[in-house]
Amino acid sequence: SLLAVVHARKGTAAHPEGNPGLSLLQEGVQSLIIATRFHPGPILSLLWHFLKPSQPFVLYCPYIEPLAEIMYSLTSTENAVHTELMETWMRNYQVLPERTHPHMNMHNASGYVLAGLKVISSNPFDTPWTGSKLGQ
C-alpha cells in the first residue's frame, strides 16, 4: 500500500518481510502508472525512485497544469526523455452517404496524460510540491 511506502521512506515501522508489495517495490518496478484527480506530484515523488532507469511512466490528471509542471521539471533536469503530454478527449464522427459530422451527444469527460522514460541524471530536481529531490 502507499502508506507502507510512506513509512519506508520515513524509516518508520514498515517491515518488507511482512509486506510483499513493499519488497517488490524495493527491488524496482518496470513501469509506473499514476491516475489521480489531484496533483500527481506528491505521489510521483514517493514512487519515482522505485522506477528502474529506462522504464516508462504514465501520469493521468484531469488538469493540464500539474502535468506541464512535472514535464518541465523532468525534462529540464534530464531525468526523463521522450516525454509527451496528450489530451485524452476524442470526438466520434457519424459517417453517412454524402454527409459526415460529429456526433451530437458527446461526453465531456476528459483529462491529460504525461508519458515518458526515466533516465539516470546527475541533476536531481526539487519538486515544488514536497521539497524533495526526485532524481535520487
Protein backbone atom coordinates (compact mmCIF):
# COMPACT_ATOMS: atom_id res chain seq x y z
CA SER A 1 0.00 0.00 0.00
CA LEU A 2 1.05 3.60 -0.42
CA LEU A 3 1.06 4.00 3.36
CA ALA A 4 3.74 1.29 3.61
CA VAL A 5 5.80 3.17 1.03
CA VAL A 6 5.49 6.37 3.06
CA HIS A 7 6.61 4.52 6.19
CA ALA A 8 9.55 3.01 4.30
CA ARG A 9 10.63 6.46 3.06
CA LYS A 10 10.43 7.89 6.58
CA GLY A 11 12.21 4.89 8.13
CA THR A 12 9.36 4.01 10.50
CA ALA A 13 7.83 0.65 11.34
CA ALA A 14 7.03 -0.97 8.00
CA HIS A 15 8.93 -4.22 7.50
CA PRO A 16 9.41 -5.68 3.99
CA GLU A 17 9.14 -9.26 5.23
CA GLY A 18 5.62 -8.52 6.47
CA ASN A 19 4.62 -6.71 3.29
CA PRO A 20 5.38 -8.49 -0.01
CA GLY A 21 4.29 -5.44 -2.02
CA LEU A 22 6.91 -3.31 -0.33
CA SER A 23 9.69 -5.80 -1.04
CA LEU A 24 8.64 -5.86 -4.70
CA LEU A 25 8.84 -2.07 -4.78
CA GLN A 26 12.29 -2.09 -3.21
CA GLU A 27 13.53 -4.40 -5.99
CA GLY A 28 12.39 -1.78 -8.50
CA VAL A 29 9.48 -1.70 -10.91
CA GLN A 30 9.44 -1.81 -14.69
CA SER A 31 6.69 0.76 -15.15
CA LEU A 32 4.87 3.41 -13.16
CA ILE A 33 1.24 4.37 -13.77
CA ILE A 34 -0.40 7.07 -11.65
CA ALA A 35 -4.01 8.19 -12.19
CA THR A 36 -5.37 10.79 -9.81
CA ARG A 37 -7.85 13.65 -9.64
CA PHE A 38 -5.36 15.58 -7.52
CA HIS A 39 -1.84 16.88 -8.14
CA PRO A 40 0.26 13.79 -9.02
CA GLY A 41 3.48 15.39 -7.76
CA PRO A 42 3.44 14.09 -4.17
CA ILE A 43 2.69 10.54 -5.33
CA LEU A 44 5.36 10.75 -8.01
CA SER A 45 7.94 11.97 -5.50
CA LEU A 46 7.21 8.94 -3.30
CA LEU A 47 7.36 6.38 -6.11
CA TRP A 48 9.93 7.82 -8.56
CA HIS A 49 12.97 6.14 -7.02
CA PHE A 50 11.27 2.71 -7.27
CA LEU A 51 11.10 3.03 -11.06
CA LYS A 52 14.12 1.43 -12.74
CA PRO A 53 16.09 3.50 -15.29
CA SER A 54 14.97 3.33 -18.94
CA GLN A 55 11.47 2.29 -17.89
CA PRO A 56 8.22 4.05 -18.86
CA PHE A 57 5.99 6.15 -16.64
CA VAL A 58 2.46 7.44 -17.27
CA LEU A 59 0.62 10.08 -15.25
CA TYR A 60 -3.07 10.90 -15.70
CA CYS A 61 -4.73 14.02 -14.32
CA PRO A 62 -7.89 15.88 -15.33
CA TYR A 63 -5.92 19.15 -15.33
CA ILE A 64 -3.02 20.05 -17.61
CA GLU A 65 -1.16 22.45 -15.27
CA PRO A 66 0.25 19.88 -12.81
CA LEU A 67 1.40 17.63 -15.65
CA ALA A 68 3.01 20.53 -17.52
CA GLU A 69 4.88 21.49 -14.35
CA ILE A 70 6.11 17.91 -13.86
CA MET A 71 7.06 17.60 -17.52
CA TYR A 72 9.12 20.79 -17.35
CA SER A 73 10.89 19.65 -14.18
CA LEU A 74 11.68 16.19 -15.55
CA THR A 75 12.97 17.37 -18.93
CA SER A 76 14.89 20.43 -17.74
CA THR A 77 16.86 18.31 -15.27
CA GLU A 78 17.32 15.46 -17.76
CA ASN A 79 15.55 12.92 -15.54
CA ALA A 80 13.20 11.83 -18.34
CA VAL A 81 13.30 11.59 -22.12
CA HIS A 82 10.67 11.12 -24.82
CA THR A 83 8.13 12.94 -22.67
CA GLU A 84 4.79 13.62 -24.25
CA LEU A 85 1.77 15.46 -22.88
CA MET A 86 -1.50 14.42 -24.54
CA GLU A 87 -5.18 15.18 -24.19
CA THR A 88 -7.42 12.11 -23.90
CA TRP A 89 -10.55 13.65 -25.37
CA MET A 90 -11.78 12.03 -28.56
CA ARG A 91 -14.58 13.09 -30.88
CA ASN A 92 -16.65 10.47 -32.66
CA TYR A 93 -17.96 11.18 -36.15
CA GLN A 94 -21.07 9.92 -37.83
CA VAL A 95 -20.37 8.95 -41.43
CA LEU A 96 -23.34 8.62 -43.76
CA PRO A 97 -23.57 8.75 -47.55
CA GLU A 98 -22.74 12.30 -48.69
CA ARG A 99 -22.57 13.69 -45.17
CA THR A 100 -20.19 13.45 -42.23
CA HIS A 101 -20.49 15.30 -38.93
CA PRO A 102 -19.56 14.93 -35.27
CA HIS A 103 -21.98 13.07 -33.05
CA MET A 104 -24.41 15.50 -31.49
CA ASN A 105 -24.36 13.97 -27.99
CA MET A 106 -20.91 13.58 -26.51
CA HIS A 107 -19.47 13.17 -23.03
CA ASN A 108 -17.32 15.98 -21.71
CA ALA A 109 -15.14 13.68 -19.56
CA SER A 110 -11.51 14.08 -20.48
CA GLY A 111 -8.10 14.57 -18.99
CA TYR A 112 -4.42 14.68 -19.80
CA VAL A 113 -1.70 12.05 -19.90
CA LEU A 114 2.03 12.60 -19.42
CA ALA A 115 4.22 9.73 -20.59
CA GLY A 116 7.96 9.28 -20.86
CA LEU A 117 11.03 7.23 -19.98
CA LYS A 118 13.05 7.62 -16.79
CA VAL A 119 16.79 8.12 -17.23
CA ILE A 120 19.64 8.41 -14.75
CA SER A 121 20.70 12.01 -14.32
CA SER A 122 23.33 13.72 -12.24
CA ASN A 123 20.86 16.61 -11.81
CA PRO A 124 18.23 15.74 -9.20
CA PHE A 125 15.47 18.30 -9.27
CA ASP A 126 13.50 19.92 -6.48
CA THR A 127 9.82 19.22 -6.55
CA PRO A 128 7.87 22.31 -5.53
CA TRP A 129 5.06 20.23 -4.01
CA THR A 130 7.26 18.38 -1.45
CA GLY A 131 10.70 19.95 -1.43
CA SER A 132 12.24 16.51 -2.01
CA LYS A 133 14.56 15.58 -4.85
CA LEU A 134 13.16 13.12 -7.40
CA GLY A 135 16.45 12.29 -9.07
CA GLN A 136 17.76 10.44 -6.01
